[in-house]
C-alpha cells in the first residue's frame, strides 16, 4: 500500500496518519487474539514456564558465569537422563 493511500484514508476519516495506523493496529490485534485465543494460550504457557522459575542455590560466587551448565545439570537430573 502506498503512503498516499494511507494519507488519503486518514483525511477521509478525519484522523492523523498515526491515529489511523493506531486504529488499524488495534483492530488487527483484537481480531488476531480472537482467532488464536492468544490470551488463554499465553496464560497456559506462563503456567508451564512458571514450574521452571526460581533461583539456583549455592555459595558459588562464579554462578553467574556457570549458570547455563548448572541449569542443564538440574534439568537433566529432573528428567532422569
C-alpha atoms as a PDB file:
ATOM      1  CA  UNK A   1       0.000   0.000   0.000  1.00  0.00           C
ATOM      2  CA  UNK A   2       1.290   3.415  -0.848  1.00  0.00           C
ATOM      3  CA  UNK A   3       1.790   6.149   1.683  1.00  0.00           C
ATOM      4  CA  UNK A   4      -0.506   8.425  -0.313  1.00  0.00           C
ATOM      5  CA  UNK A   5      -3.366   5.904   0.064  1.00  0.00           C
ATOM      6  CA  UNK A   6      -2.867   5.858   3.838  1.00  0.00           C
ATOM      7  CA  UNK A   7      -2.805   9.663   3.938  1.00  0.00           C
ATOM      8  CA  UNK A   8      -5.988   9.828   1.814  1.00  0.00           C
ATOM      9  CA  UNK A   9      -7.822   7.376   4.110  1.00  0.00           C
ATOM     10  CA  UNK A  10      -6.694   9.292   7.201  1.00  0.00           C
ATOM     11  CA  UNK A  11      -8.077  12.531   5.729  1.00  0.00           C
ATOM     12  CA  UNK A  12     -11.302  10.770   4.773  1.00  0.00           C
ATOM     13  CA  UNK A  13     -11.757   9.576   8.381  1.00  0.00           C
ATOM     14  CA  UNK A  14     -10.709  12.919   9.830  1.00  0.00           C
ATOM     15  CA  UNK A  15      -7.709  11.386  11.587  1.00  0.00           C
ATOM     16  CA  UNK A  16      -3.979  11.811  11.547  1.00  0.00           C
ATOM     17  CA  UNK A  17      -1.944   9.113   9.825  1.00  0.00           C
ATOM     18  CA  UNK A  18      -0.734   7.984  13.268  1.00  0.00           C
ATOM     19  CA  UNK A  19      -4.308   7.819  14.537  1.00  0.00           C
ATOM     20  CA  UNK A  20      -5.372   5.757  11.543  1.00  0.00           C
ATOM     21  CA  UNK A  21      -2.446   3.364  11.966  1.00  0.00           C
ATOM     22  CA  UNK A  22      -3.231   3.002  15.674  1.00  0.00           C
ATOM     23  CA  UNK A  23      -6.866   2.126  14.898  1.00  0.00           C
ATOM     24  CA  UNK A  24      -5.843  -0.382  12.234  1.00  0.00           C
ATOM     25  CA  UNK A  25      -3.276  -1.972  14.543  1.00  0.00           C
ATOM     26  CA  UNK A  26      -5.729  -2.232  17.440  1.00  0.00           C
ATOM     27  CA  UNK A  27      -8.374  -3.842  15.225  1.00  0.00           C
ATOM     28  CA  UNK A  28      -5.838  -6.304  13.793  1.00  0.00           C
ATOM     29  CA  UNK A  29      -4.536  -7.324  17.231  1.00  0.00           C
ATOM     30  CA  UNK A  30      -8.060  -7.734  18.593  1.00  0.00           C
ATOM     31  CA  UNK A  31      -9.059  -9.936  15.646  1.00  0.00           C
ATOM     32  CA  UNK A  32      -5.861 -11.984  15.936  1.00  0.00           C
ATOM     33  CA  UNK A  33      -6.411 -12.625  19.645  1.00  0.00           C
ATOM     34  CA  UNK A  34      -9.977 -13.670  18.960  1.00  0.00           C
ATOM     35  CA  UNK A  35      -8.846 -16.131  16.282  1.00  0.00           C
ATOM     36  CA  UNK A  36      -5.918 -17.638  18.176  1.00  0.00           C
ATOM     37  CA  UNK A  37      -7.144 -17.461  21.740  1.00  0.00           C
ATOM     38  CA  UNK A  38      -3.867 -15.680  22.416  1.00  0.00           C
ATOM     39  CA  UNK A  39      -4.692 -14.660  25.990  1.00  0.00           C
ATOM     40  CA  UNK A  40      -5.572 -18.212  27.003  1.00  0.00           C
ATOM     41  CA  UNK A  41      -2.520 -19.596  25.201  1.00  0.00           C
ATOM     42  CA  UNK A  42      -0.239 -17.081  26.930  1.00  0.00           C
ATOM     43  CA  UNK A  43      -1.718 -17.942  30.320  1.00  0.00           C
ATOM     44  CA  UNK A  44      -1.162 -21.659  29.663  1.00  0.00           C
ATOM     45  CA  UNK A  45       2.445 -21.063  28.555  1.00  0.00           C
ATOM     46  CA  UNK A  46       3.069 -18.932  31.629  1.00  0.00           C
ATOM     47  CA  UNK A  47       1.771 -21.678  33.924  1.00  0.00           C
ATOM     48  CA  UNK A  48       4.048 -24.243  32.261  1.00  0.00           C
ATOM     49  CA  UNK A  49       7.068 -21.931  32.356  1.00  0.00           C
ATOM     50  CA  UNK A  50       6.409 -20.986  35.986  1.00  0.00           C
ATOM     51  CA  UNK A  51       7.408 -24.507  37.006  1.00  0.00           C
ATOM     52  CA  UNK A  52      10.948 -23.679  35.921  1.00  0.00           C
ATOM     53  CA  UNK A  53      11.103 -20.260  37.654  1.00  0.00           C
ATOM     54  CA  UNK A  54      13.346 -19.924  40.646  1.00  0.00           C
ATOM     55  CA  UNK A  55      16.912 -19.409  41.641  1.00  0.00           C
ATOM     56  CA  UNK A  56      19.999 -21.518  41.823  1.00  0.00           C
ATOM     57  CA  UNK A  57      21.082 -22.107  45.387  1.00  0.00           C
ATOM     58  CA  UNK A  58      24.670 -22.393  46.424  1.00  0.00           C
ATOM     59  CA  UNK A  59      27.668 -20.478  47.572  1.00  0.00           C
ATOM     60  CA  UNK A  60      29.406 -20.323  44.203  1.00  0.00           C
ATOM     61  CA  UNK A  61      30.497 -16.718  43.528  1.00  0.00           C
ATOM     62  CA  UNK A  62      31.006 -17.639  39.846  1.00  0.00           C
ATOM     63  CA  UNK A  63      27.472 -18.984  39.432  1.00  0.00           C
ATOM     64  CA  UNK A  64      26.525 -16.182  37.029  1.00  0.00           C
ATOM     65  CA  UNK A  65      29.180 -17.414  34.617  1.00  0.00           C
ATOM     66  CA  UNK A  66      28.438 -21.102  35.173  1.00  0.00           C
ATOM     67  CA  UNK A  67      24.640 -20.783  35.293  1.00  0.00           C
ATOM     68  CA  UNK A  68      23.991 -22.424  31.936  1.00  0.00           C
ATOM     69  CA  UNK A  69      25.772 -25.602  32.942  1.00  0.00           C
ATOM     70  CA  UNK A  70      24.042 -25.645  36.342  1.00  0.00           C
ATOM     71  CA  UNK A  71      20.602 -25.275  34.763  1.00  0.00           C
ATOM     72  CA  UNK A  72      21.356 -28.064  32.289  1.00  0.00           C
ATOM     73  CA  UNK A  73      22.520 -30.354  35.113  1.00  0.00           C
ATOM     74  CA  UNK A  74      19.342 -29.671  37.109  1.00  0.00           C
ATOM     75  CA  UNK A  75      17.083 -30.257  34.106  1.00  0.00           C
ATOM     76  CA  UNK A  76      18.899 -33.480  33.228  1.00  0.00           C
ATOM     77  CA  UNK A  77      18.570 -34.718  36.801  1.00  0.00           C
ATOM     78  CA  UNK A  78      14.897 -33.801  36.882  1.00  0.00           C
ATOM     79  CA  UNK A  79      14.232 -35.673  33.640  1.00  0.00           C
ATOM     80  CA  UNK A  80      16.186 -38.688  34.860  1.00  0.00           C
ATOM     81  CA  UNK A  81      18.587 -38.803  31.942  1.00  0.00           C
END
